[in-house]
Amino acid sequence: MGLAVNASENYLRTVVVEGTDDGYNIILKADGMPTIKKTVKDSNNIILDVKGISTSAAVNAIYKSTSDVSNLIVENVADDELKVYIKAKEVSKATIMAQTLTGEPVILSERFPVEKILWSLVVLIILGMIIKSAKSITDYENSIVIKKDIKDREIELYRNFQKELETLPKINCKINSSYATTVMLRSRRNYKELARR
């Protein structure tokens, strides 16, 4: 990852501002890894608070694939602490990296514009609404299936009951289906009338 260097021995040697397709890579080259906090003043101005590092006698500024940098200032704030002010077109979207003299660049603060955050939130909200509506539809369909199932079972039970009425009475006599449909219905009506009294 980088060399373990005491803060008093860690010097900033070079600041590289590299233009990319969608912004910048800002690489701080030093003896060891500092801690960096990016503060966005506006879309064209950022301040890097760098701790655990001092400036060397001469700090080089290198601009790669860009001509939009209008200002770059490195300021010693205190022992082992400095600020880097960068003014460039749309520099707020920059990815901040640190690199030791013998290591590879390490990303410390990656660009993630507010538009991407808002778009991610919108996508999550829409996804939540789709899941909720799908659940509601499923619950509704399940209730219809259950109602239909109950209705079908009631019809089946009623048909079975009718068949039993036609076949069950066997007290030494034959009851034809006309008896089951007329007399039994009349006797049911009589029972209801008796129950009302």
Protein backbone atom coordinates (compact mmCIF):
# COMPACT_ATOMS: atom_id res chain seq x y z
CA MET A 1 0.00 0.00 0.00
CA GLY A 2 2.78 2.45 0.78
CA LEU A 3 5.74 3.13 2.99
CA ALA A 4 5.25 3.60 6.73
CA VAL A 5 6.88 6.98 7.27
CA ASN A 6 6.84 9.25 10.32
CA ALA A 7 4.90 12.46 9.75
CA SER A 8 8.02 14.55 10.32
CA GLU A 9 9.76 12.66 7.49
CA ASN A 10 6.80 12.69 5.08
CA TYR A 11 7.10 15.39 2.42
CA LEU A 12 4.83 16.28 -0.44
CA ARG A 13 6.95 16.19 -3.59
CA THR A 14 4.54 16.57 -6.53
CA VAL A 15 0.91 17.43 -7.27
CA VAL A 16 -0.37 15.90 -10.52
CA VAL A 17 -3.62 17.15 -12.08
CA GLU A 18 -4.61 14.69 -14.79
CA GLY A 19 -7.57 15.31 -17.09
CA THR A 20 -9.92 12.36 -17.68
CA ASP A 21 -13.04 11.85 -19.81
CA ASP A 22 -15.34 12.82 -16.95
CA GLY A 23 -13.21 14.99 -14.66
CA TYR A 24 -9.76 14.84 -13.11
CA ASN A 25 -7.41 12.61 -11.17
CA ILE A 26 -5.49 14.62 -8.60
CA ILE A 27 -2.46 12.66 -7.39
CA LEU A 28 -0.37 13.77 -4.41
CA LYS A 29 3.07 12.16 -4.56
CA ALA A 30 4.87 11.97 -1.20
CA ASP A 31 7.27 9.88 0.87
CA GLY A 32 4.38 8.18 2.70
CA MET A 33 0.59 8.03 2.73
CA PRO A 34 -1.13 11.14 4.15
CA THR A 35 -4.77 11.50 5.14
CA ILE A 36 -6.75 13.78 2.83
CA LYS A 37 -10.13 15.44 3.16
CA LYS A 38 -11.70 17.10 0.13
CA THR A 39 -13.85 20.21 0.63
CA VAL A 40 -15.86 21.49 -2.34
CA LYS A 41 -16.25 25.27 -2.39
CA ASP A 42 -18.11 25.24 -5.71
CA SER A 43 -17.94 23.23 -8.92
CA ASN A 44 -14.67 24.93 -9.93
CA ASN A 45 -12.95 25.19 -6.53
CA ILE A 46 -11.80 22.54 -4.06
CA ILE A 47 -9.58 22.52 -0.97
CA LEU A 48 -7.64 19.45 0.12
CA ASP A 49 -6.83 19.26 3.83
CA VAL A 50 -3.77 17.03 4.00
CA LYS A 51 -2.51 15.73 7.37
CA GLY A 52 0.62 13.82 8.34
CA ILE A 53 2.73 15.59 5.73
CA SER A 54 4.81 18.74 5.09
CA THR A 55 5.96 20.37 1.90
CA SER A 56 9.39 19.62 0.56
CA ALA A 57 11.76 22.46 -0.38
CA ALA A 58 10.21 22.49 -3.86
CA VAL A 59 6.78 21.05 -4.79
CA ASN A 60 6.33 20.28 -8.48
CA ALA A 61 2.98 20.78 -10.23
CA ILE A 62 2.32 18.58 -13.27
CA TYR A 63 -0.69 19.02 -15.58
CA LYS A 64 -1.56 16.03 -17.78
CA SER A 65 -4.17 16.10 -20.56
CA THR A 66 -5.73 19.34 -19.30
CA SER A 67 -5.38 23.07 -19.83
CA ASP A 68 -8.33 24.04 -17.60
CA VAL A 69 -6.39 24.47 -14.32
CA SER A 70 -6.28 28.18 -13.49
CA ASN A 71 -4.81 28.03 -9.97
CA LEU A 72 -2.98 25.54 -7.71
CA ILE A 73 -1.63 26.66 -4.30
CA VAL A 74 0.03 24.52 -1.61
CA GLU A 75 -0.01 26.12 1.86
CA ASN A 76 1.68 24.95 5.07
CA VAL A 77 -0.96 25.33 7.79
CA ALA A 78 0.85 23.74 10.75
CA ASP A 79 3.49 21.11 11.46
CA ASP A 80 2.63 18.05 9.36
CA GLU A 81 -0.50 19.70 7.92
CA LEU A 82 -1.12 21.57 4.70
CA LYS A 83 -3.87 22.74 2.38
CA VAL A 84 -3.95 22.40 -1.39
CA TYR A 85 -6.22 24.88 -3.22
CA ILE A 86 -7.16 23.90 -6.76
CA LYS A 87 -9.20 26.02 -9.16
CA ALA A 88 -10.16 24.33 -12.44
CA LYS A 89 -13.24 23.79 -14.57
CA GLU A 90 -15.57 21.24 -12.87
CA VAL A 91 -12.79 20.16 -10.47
CA SER A 92 -15.38 19.23 -7.80
CA LYS A 93 -15.80 15.88 -9.60
CA ALA A 94 -12.11 15.02 -9.20
CA THR A 95 -10.86 11.72 -7.84
CA ILE A 96 -8.22 12.33 -5.16
CA MET A 97 -5.28 9.91 -5.02
CA ALA A 98 -2.04 9.56 -3.08
CA GLN A 99 1.12 7.84 -4.26
CA THR A 100 4.36 7.02 -2.51
CA LEU A 101 7.58 7.42 -4.48
CA THR A 102 7.86 3.64 -4.88
CA GLY A 103 4.18 2.61 -4.94
CA GLU A 104 1.07 2.74 -7.08
CA PRO A 105 -1.57 5.51 -6.76
CA VAL A 106 -4.24 4.77 -4.15
CA ILE A 107 -7.71 6.33 -4.40
CA LEU A 108 -8.55 8.30 -1.26
CA SER A 109 -11.66 10.16 -2.40
CA GLU A 110 -13.56 9.10 -5.49
CA ARG A 111 -15.82 11.33 -7.51
CA PHE A 112 -19.50 10.69 -6.93
CA PRO A 113 -21.53 13.69 -8.10
CA VAL A 114 -24.80 14.72 -6.46
CA GLU A 115 -26.64 13.85 -9.69
CA LYS A 116 -25.58 10.20 -9.33
CA ILE A 117 -26.73 10.12 -5.70
CA LEU A 118 -30.12 11.61 -6.63
CA TRP A 119 -30.49 9.22 -9.57
CA SER A 120 -29.68 6.26 -7.29
CA LEU A 121 -32.36 7.41 -4.82
CA VAL A 122 -34.95 7.79 -7.61
CA VAL A 123 -34.17 4.27 -8.88
CA LEU A 124 -34.50 2.83 -5.35
CA ILE A 125 -37.85 4.61 -4.81
CA ILE A 126 -39.22 3.34 -8.15
CA LEU A 127 -38.01 -0.18 -7.35
CA GLY A 128 -39.73 -0.02 -3.95
CA MET A 129 -43.00 1.11 -5.58
CA ILE A 130 -42.83 -1.73 -8.13
CA ILE A 131 -42.25 -4.32 -5.36
CA LYS A 132 -45.12 -2.88 -3.29
CA SER A 133 -47.57 -2.90 -6.23
CA ALA A 134 -46.51 -6.44 -7.20
CA LYS A 135 -47.19 -7.59 -3.62
CA SER A 136 -50.62 -5.89 -3.65
CA ILE A 137 -51.52 -7.58 -6.95
CA THR A 138 -50.38 -10.96 -5.61
CA ASP A 139 -52.43 -10.52 -2.41
CA TYR A 140 -55.50 -9.55 -4.46
CA GLU A 141 -55.09 -12.53 -6.81
CA ASN A 142 -54.63 -14.86 -3.83
CA SER A 143 -57.85 -13.57 -2.24
CA ILE A 144 -59.74 -14.16 -5.53
CA VAL A 145 -58.36 -17.71 -5.76
CA ILE A 146 -59.34 -18.40 -2.14
CA LYS A 147 -62.88 -17.03 -2.69
CA LYS A 148 -63.26 -19.06 -5.87
CA ASP A 149 -61.96 -22.17 -4.12
CA ILE A 150 -64.45 -21.73 -1.25
CA LYS A 151 -67.31 -21.14 -3.69
CA ASP A 152 -66.39 -24.25 -5.71
CA ARG A 153 -66.23 -26.31 -2.51
CA GLU A 154 -69.66 -25.03 -1.39
CA ILE A 155 -71.17 -25.93 -4.78
CA GLU A 156 -69.60 -29.40 -4.61
CA LEU A 157 -70.89 -29.93 -1.06
CA TYR A 158 -74.39 -28.85 -2.11
CA ARG A 159 -74.38 -31.27 -5.06
CA ASN A 160 -73.22 -34.10 -2.82
CA PHE A 161 -75.97 -33.21 -0.33
CA GLN A 162 -78.59 -33.34 -3.12
CA LYS A 163 -77.31 -36.77 -4.18
CA GLU A 164 -77.49 -37.99 -0.60
CA LEU A 165 -81.08 -36.75 -0.29
CA GLU A 166 -82.00 -38.78 -3.35
CA THR A 167 -80.26 -41.95 -2.20
CA LEU A 168 -80.26 -42.01 1.64
CA PRO A 169 -83.90 -42.46 2.72
CA LYS A 170 -84.18 -46.31 2.80
CA ILE A 171 -86.88 -47.10 5.36
CA ASN A 172 -88.38 -50.08 3.51
CA CYS A 173 -89.67 -47.95 0.70
CA LYS A 174 -88.46 -46.50 -2.53
CA ILE A 175 -88.30 -42.75 -2.81
CA ASN A 176 -88.00 -41.50 -6.34
CA SER A 177 -86.26 -38.33 -7.31
CA SER A 178 -89.54 -36.40 -7.68
CA TYR A 179 -90.27 -37.06 -4.01
CA ALA A 180 -86.84 -35.82 -3.03
CA THR A 181 -87.25 -32.64 -5.03
CA THR A 182 -90.89 -31.81 -4.14
CA VAL A 183 -91.87 -33.40 -0.85
CA MET A 184 -88.51 -32.81 0.81
CA LEU A 185 -88.58 -29.17 -0.26
CA ARG A 186 -92.14 -28.81 1.13
CA SER A 187 -91.12 -30.40 4.41
CA ARG A 188 -88.16 -28.00 4.64
CA ARG A 189 -90.56 -25.09 4.11
CA ASN A 190 -92.88 -26.45 6.83
CA TYR A 191 -89.89 -26.76 9.19
CA LYS A 192 -88.98 -23.13 8.57
CA GLU A 193 -92.57 -22.05 9.28
CA LEU A 194 -92.62 -24.04 12.51
CA ALA A 195 -89.34 -22.48 13.51
CA ARG A 196 -90.80 -18.98 13.08
CA ARG A 197 -93.69 -19.67 15.49
